[in-house]
């Protein structure tokens, strides 16, 4: 049967382990900080793109208002023409 070897954890070994753990967390913190900066930069670019999209929607809104105004004018002209035409037909029938 194989015997298990038990290692003694001295203060020096525990201090070394603690230092390695601290270094690992420091590297992880640095990586997360770099990732945060990259993510923030990407969100800044996305925000700029949304600003451009908002500008496009604003221009579309102005164009739709102009189109709506034109359609109302054309419809008013057609209704007026129909009223005048119907009045002329009625007048000639009397």
N, C-alpha and C. Protein backbone atom coordinates (compact mmCIF):
# COMPACT_ATOMS: atom_id res chain seq x y z
N UNK A 1 0.83 -1.17 0.00
CA UNK A 1 0.00 0.00 0.00
C UNK A 1 0.88 1.24 0.00
N UNK A 2 0.44 2.21 -0.72
CA UNK A 2 1.23 3.43 -0.87
C UNK A 2 0.95 4.37 0.29
N UNK A 3 1.98 4.94 0.83
CA UNK A 3 1.80 5.88 1.93
C UNK A 3 1.68 7.29 1.39
N UNK A 4 0.91 8.09 2.06
CA UNK A 4 0.72 9.49 1.64
C UNK A 4 1.78 10.33 2.30
N UNK A 5 2.37 11.19 1.50
CA UNK A 5 3.40 12.08 2.01
C UNK A 5 2.72 13.37 2.45
N UNK A 6 2.97 13.76 3.62
CA UNK A 6 2.37 14.99 4.14
C UNK A 6 3.44 16.06 4.15
N UNK A 7 3.14 17.15 3.45
CA UNK A 7 4.10 18.23 3.39
C UNK A 7 3.84 19.20 4.53
N UNK A 8 4.88 19.75 5.02
CA UNK A 8 4.75 20.74 6.09
C UNK A 8 4.66 22.12 5.47
N UNK A 9 3.67 22.86 5.86
CA UNK A 9 3.49 24.22 5.36
C UNK A 9 4.13 25.18 6.36
N UNK A 10 5.31 25.61 6.00
CA UNK A 10 6.01 26.54 6.87
C UNK A 10 5.52 27.96 6.61
N UNK A 11 5.89 28.86 7.47
CA UNK A 11 5.50 30.27 7.29
C UNK A 11 6.04 30.83 5.99
N UNK A 12 7.28 30.43 5.64
CA UNK A 12 7.86 30.92 4.38
C UNK A 12 7.06 30.43 3.18
N UNK A 13 6.64 29.17 3.20
CA UNK A 13 5.84 28.63 2.08
C UNK A 13 4.47 29.30 2.03
N UNK A 14 3.88 29.53 3.16
CA UNK A 14 2.58 30.21 3.18
C UNK A 14 2.71 31.66 2.70
N UNK A 15 3.79 32.33 3.10
CA UNK A 15 4.02 33.70 2.62
C UNK A 15 4.22 33.71 1.10
N UNK A 16 4.97 32.71 0.59
CA UNK A 16 5.19 32.62 -0.86
C UNK A 16 3.87 32.38 -1.59
N UNK A 17 3.05 31.48 -1.06
CA UNK A 17 1.74 31.21 -1.67
C UNK A 17 0.88 32.47 -1.63
N UNK A 18 0.87 33.15 -0.52
CA UNK A 18 0.08 34.38 -0.40
C UNK A 18 0.54 35.41 -1.42
N UNK A 19 1.85 35.52 -1.60
CA UNK A 19 2.39 36.47 -2.58
C UNK A 19 1.97 36.08 -3.99
N UNK A 20 2.03 34.80 -4.32
CA UNK A 20 1.63 34.34 -5.66
C UNK A 20 0.14 34.60 -5.89
N UNK A 21 -0.68 34.37 -4.89
CA UNK A 21 -2.12 34.63 -5.01
C UNK A 21 -2.36 36.12 -5.24
N UNK A 22 -1.66 36.95 -4.47
CA UNK A 22 -1.80 38.40 -4.63
C UNK A 22 -1.37 38.85 -6.03
N UNK A 23 -0.28 38.28 -6.54
CA UNK A 23 0.18 38.61 -7.89
C UNK A 23 -0.85 38.18 -8.94
N UNK A 24 -1.43 37.01 -8.72
CA UNK A 24 -2.46 36.54 -9.66
C UNK A 24 -3.66 37.47 -9.68
N UNK A 25 -4.10 37.90 -8.51
CA UNK A 25 -5.22 38.84 -8.47
C UNK A 25 -4.84 40.18 -9.10
N UNK A 26 -3.59 40.59 -8.91
CA UNK A 26 -3.14 41.86 -9.51
C UNK A 26 -3.19 41.76 -11.04
N UNK A 27 -2.71 40.63 -11.59
CA UNK A 27 -2.77 40.44 -13.05
C UNK A 27 -4.22 40.42 -13.53
N UNK A 28 -5.08 39.77 -12.77
CA UNK A 28 -6.49 39.71 -13.14
C UNK A 28 -7.11 41.11 -13.11
N UNK A 29 -6.78 41.88 -12.09
CA UNK A 29 -7.29 43.26 -12.01
C UNK A 29 -6.82 44.09 -13.20
N UNK A 30 -5.55 43.92 -13.58
CA UNK A 30 -5.02 44.67 -14.72
C UNK A 30 -5.73 44.28 -16.01
N UNK A 31 -5.95 42.96 -16.19
CA UNK A 31 -6.68 42.51 -17.39
C UNK A 31 -8.09 43.07 -17.41
N UNK A 32 -8.77 43.06 -16.28
CA UNK A 32 -10.14 43.58 -16.22
C UNK A 32 -10.15 45.09 -16.49
N UNK A 33 -9.14 45.81 -16.00
CA UNK A 33 -9.06 47.25 -16.27
C UNK A 33 -8.88 47.51 -17.77
N UNK A 34 -8.00 46.72 -18.42
CA UNK A 34 -7.81 46.88 -19.87
C UNK A 34 -9.11 46.56 -20.62
N UNK A 35 -9.79 45.51 -20.17
CA UNK A 35 -11.05 45.14 -20.82
C UNK A 35 -12.09 46.23 -20.63
N UNK A 36 -12.16 46.81 -19.44
CA UNK A 36 -13.10 47.91 -19.19
C UNK A 36 -12.84 49.08 -20.12
N UNK A 37 -11.55 49.41 -20.31
CA UNK A 37 -11.22 50.53 -21.20
C UNK A 37 -11.63 50.22 -22.64
N UNK A 38 -11.41 48.98 -23.09
CA UNK A 38 -11.82 48.61 -24.46
C UNK A 38 -13.33 48.66 -24.59
N UNK A 39 -14.04 48.16 -23.60
CA UNK A 39 -15.50 48.16 -23.65
C UNK A 39 -16.02 49.59 -23.66
N UNK A 40 -15.44 50.45 -22.83
CA UNK A 40 -15.85 51.86 -22.81
C UNK A 40 -15.62 52.51 -24.17
N UNK A 41 -14.49 52.21 -24.80
CA UNK A 41 -14.20 52.78 -26.13
C UNK A 41 -15.23 52.29 -27.15
N UNK A 42 -15.59 51.04 -27.07
CA UNK A 42 -16.59 50.51 -28.02
C UNK A 42 -17.96 51.15 -27.77
N UNK A 43 -18.33 51.34 -26.52
CA UNK A 43 -19.61 51.98 -26.24
C UNK A 43 -19.61 53.43 -26.73
N UNK A 44 -18.45 54.10 -26.65
CA UNK A 44 -18.37 55.46 -27.18
C UNK A 44 -18.63 55.46 -28.68
N UNK A 45 -18.08 54.46 -29.39
CA UNK A 45 -18.32 54.37 -30.84
C UNK A 45 -19.79 54.06 -31.12
N UNK A 46 -20.38 53.17 -30.33
CA UNK A 46 -21.80 52.84 -30.51
C UNK A 46 -22.67 54.08 -30.26
N UNK A 47 -22.33 54.84 -29.22
CA UNK A 47 -23.08 56.07 -28.93
C UNK A 47 -22.99 57.05 -30.10
N UNK A 48 -21.81 57.16 -30.71
CA UNK A 48 -21.66 58.05 -31.86
C UNK A 48 -22.51 57.57 -33.02
N UNK A 49 -22.58 56.26 -33.23
CA UNK A 49 -23.42 55.73 -34.31
C UNK A 49 -24.89 56.00 -34.04
N UNK A 50 -25.32 55.86 -32.79
CA UNK A 50 -26.72 56.15 -32.46
C UNK A 50 -27.03 57.63 -32.68
N UNK A 51 -26.07 58.50 -32.41
CA UNK A 51 -26.28 59.93 -32.68
C UNK A 51 -26.52 60.15 -34.17
N UNK A 52 -25.76 59.46 -35.01
CA UNK A 52 -25.96 59.59 -36.47
C UNK A 52 -27.33 59.05 -36.87
N UNK A 53 -27.74 57.93 -36.25
CA UNK A 53 -29.06 57.36 -36.55
C UNK A 53 -30.15 58.35 -36.14
N UNK A 54 -29.99 58.99 -34.99
CA UNK A 54 -30.96 60.00 -34.55
C UNK A 54 -31.06 61.14 -35.56
N UNK A 55 -29.91 61.55 -36.09
CA UNK A 55 -29.91 62.61 -37.11
C UNK A 55 -30.68 62.17 -38.35
N UNK A 56 -30.48 60.92 -38.75
CA UNK A 56 -31.20 60.40 -39.93
C UNK A 56 -32.71 60.38 -39.66
N UNK A 57 -33.11 59.94 -38.48
CA UNK A 57 -34.54 59.91 -38.16
C UNK A 57 -35.12 61.32 -38.15
N UNK A 58 -34.35 62.28 -37.67
CA UNK A 58 -34.82 63.66 -37.67
C UNK A 58 -35.04 64.15 -39.10
N UNK A 59 -34.13 63.82 -40.01
CA UNK A 59 -34.31 64.24 -41.40
C UNK A 59 -35.48 63.51 -42.04
N UNK A 60 -35.66 62.21 -41.72
CA UNK A 60 -36.82 61.49 -42.23
C UNK A 60 -38.12 62.10 -41.72
N UNK A 61 -38.12 62.50 -40.48
CA UNK A 61 -39.32 63.11 -39.90
C UNK A 61 -39.69 64.39 -40.64
N UNK A 62 -38.70 65.20 -40.97
CA UNK A 62 -38.96 66.42 -41.73
C UNK A 62 -39.50 66.09 -43.12
N UNK A 63 -38.94 65.06 -43.75
CA UNK A 63 -39.41 64.67 -45.09
C UNK A 63 -40.84 64.13 -45.02
N UNK A 64 -41.16 63.35 -44.01
CA UNK A 64 -42.53 62.84 -43.87
C UNK A 64 -43.52 63.97 -43.61
N UNK A 65 -43.12 64.96 -42.85
CA UNK A 65 -44.02 66.10 -42.62
C UNK A 65 -44.27 66.85 -43.91
N UNK A 66 -43.22 67.02 -44.72
CA UNK A 66 -43.38 67.69 -46.01
C UNK A 66 -44.28 66.87 -46.93
N UNK A 67 -44.09 65.55 -46.94
CA UNK A 67 -44.92 64.68 -47.77
C UNK A 67 -46.38 64.74 -47.30
N UNK A 68 -46.60 64.73 -46.01
CA UNK A 68 -47.95 64.81 -45.46
C UNK A 68 -48.62 66.12 -45.88
N UNK A 69 -47.87 67.22 -45.79
CA UNK A 69 -48.41 68.51 -46.18
C UNK A 69 -48.78 68.51 -47.67
N UNK A 70 -47.93 67.92 -48.50
CA UNK A 70 -48.21 67.85 -49.94
C UNK A 70 -49.45 67.00 -50.22
N UNK A 71 -49.56 65.86 -49.53
CA UNK A 71 -50.73 65.00 -49.73
C UNK A 71 -52.02 65.71 -49.31
N UNK A 72 -51.98 66.46 -48.23
CA UNK A 72 -53.17 67.20 -47.79
C UNK A 72 -53.54 68.26 -48.82
N UNK A 73 -52.54 68.93 -49.37
CA UNK A 73 -52.82 69.95 -50.39
C UNK A 73 -53.41 69.33 -51.64
N UNK A 74 -52.85 68.20 -52.08
CA UNK A 74 -53.38 67.52 -53.28
C UNK A 74 -54.80 67.04 -53.01
N UNK A 75 -55.03 66.42 -51.83
CA UNK A 75 -56.37 65.95 -51.51
C UNK A 75 -57.35 67.11 -51.45
N UNK A 76 -56.95 68.24 -50.86
CA UNK A 76 -57.82 69.42 -50.82
C UNK A 76 -58.15 69.92 -52.21
N UNK A 77 -57.13 69.92 -53.09
CA UNK A 77 -57.36 70.35 -54.47
C UNK A 77 -58.32 69.42 -55.20
N UNK A 78 -58.17 68.11 -54.99
CA UNK A 78 -59.07 67.15 -55.64
C UNK A 78 -60.50 67.30 -55.12
N UNK A 79 -60.64 67.47 -53.82
CA UNK A 79 -61.99 67.65 -53.25
C UNK A 79 -62.62 68.93 -53.79
N UNK A 80 -61.82 69.99 -53.86
CA UNK A 80 -62.34 71.25 -54.41
C UNK A 80 -62.74 71.10 -55.86
N UNK A 81 -61.92 70.39 -56.63
CA UNK A 81 -62.25 70.16 -58.04
C UNK A 81 -63.51 69.33 -58.18
N UNK A 82 -63.69 68.33 -57.33
CA UNK A 82 -64.89 67.52 -57.40
C UNK A 82 -66.13 68.34 -57.03
N UNK A 83 -66.00 69.20 -56.03
CA UNK A 83 -67.14 70.04 -55.64
C UNK A 83 -67.53 70.96 -56.78
N UNK A 84 -66.53 71.59 -57.41
CA UNK A 84 -66.81 72.51 -58.52
C UNK A 84 -67.41 71.75 -59.69
N UNK A 85 -66.87 70.55 -59.98
CA UNK A 85 -67.38 69.76 -61.10
C UNK A 85 -68.81 69.31 -60.84
N UNK A 86 -69.09 68.84 -59.61
CA UNK A 86 -70.45 68.41 -59.26
C UNK A 86 -71.40 69.59 -59.33
N UNK A 87 -70.94 70.77 -58.89
CA UNK A 87 -71.79 71.96 -58.94
C UNK A 87 -72.08 72.34 -60.39
N UNK A 88 -71.09 72.19 -61.26
CA UNK A 88 -71.28 72.51 -62.68
C UNK A 88 -72.25 71.53 -63.32
N UNK A 89 -72.14 70.25 -62.96
CA UNK A 89 -73.05 69.25 -63.51
C UNK A 89 -74.46 69.50 -63.05
N UNK A 90 -74.65 69.83 -61.79
CA UNK A 90 -75.96 70.11 -61.25
C UNK A 90 -76.53 71.37 -61.91
N UNK A 91 -75.70 72.36 -62.12
CA UNK A 91 -76.16 73.62 -62.72
C UNK A 91 -76.60 73.41 -64.17
N UNK A 92 -75.92 72.55 -64.89
CA UNK A 92 -76.31 72.33 -66.29
C UNK A 92 -77.55 71.47 -66.40
N UNK A 93 -77.90 70.73 -65.35
CA UNK A 93 -79.07 69.88 -65.37
C UNK A 93 -80.34 70.60 -64.99
N UNK A 94 -80.21 71.78 -64.44
CA UNK A 94 -81.39 72.52 -64.01
C UNK A 94 -82.02 73.26 -65.11
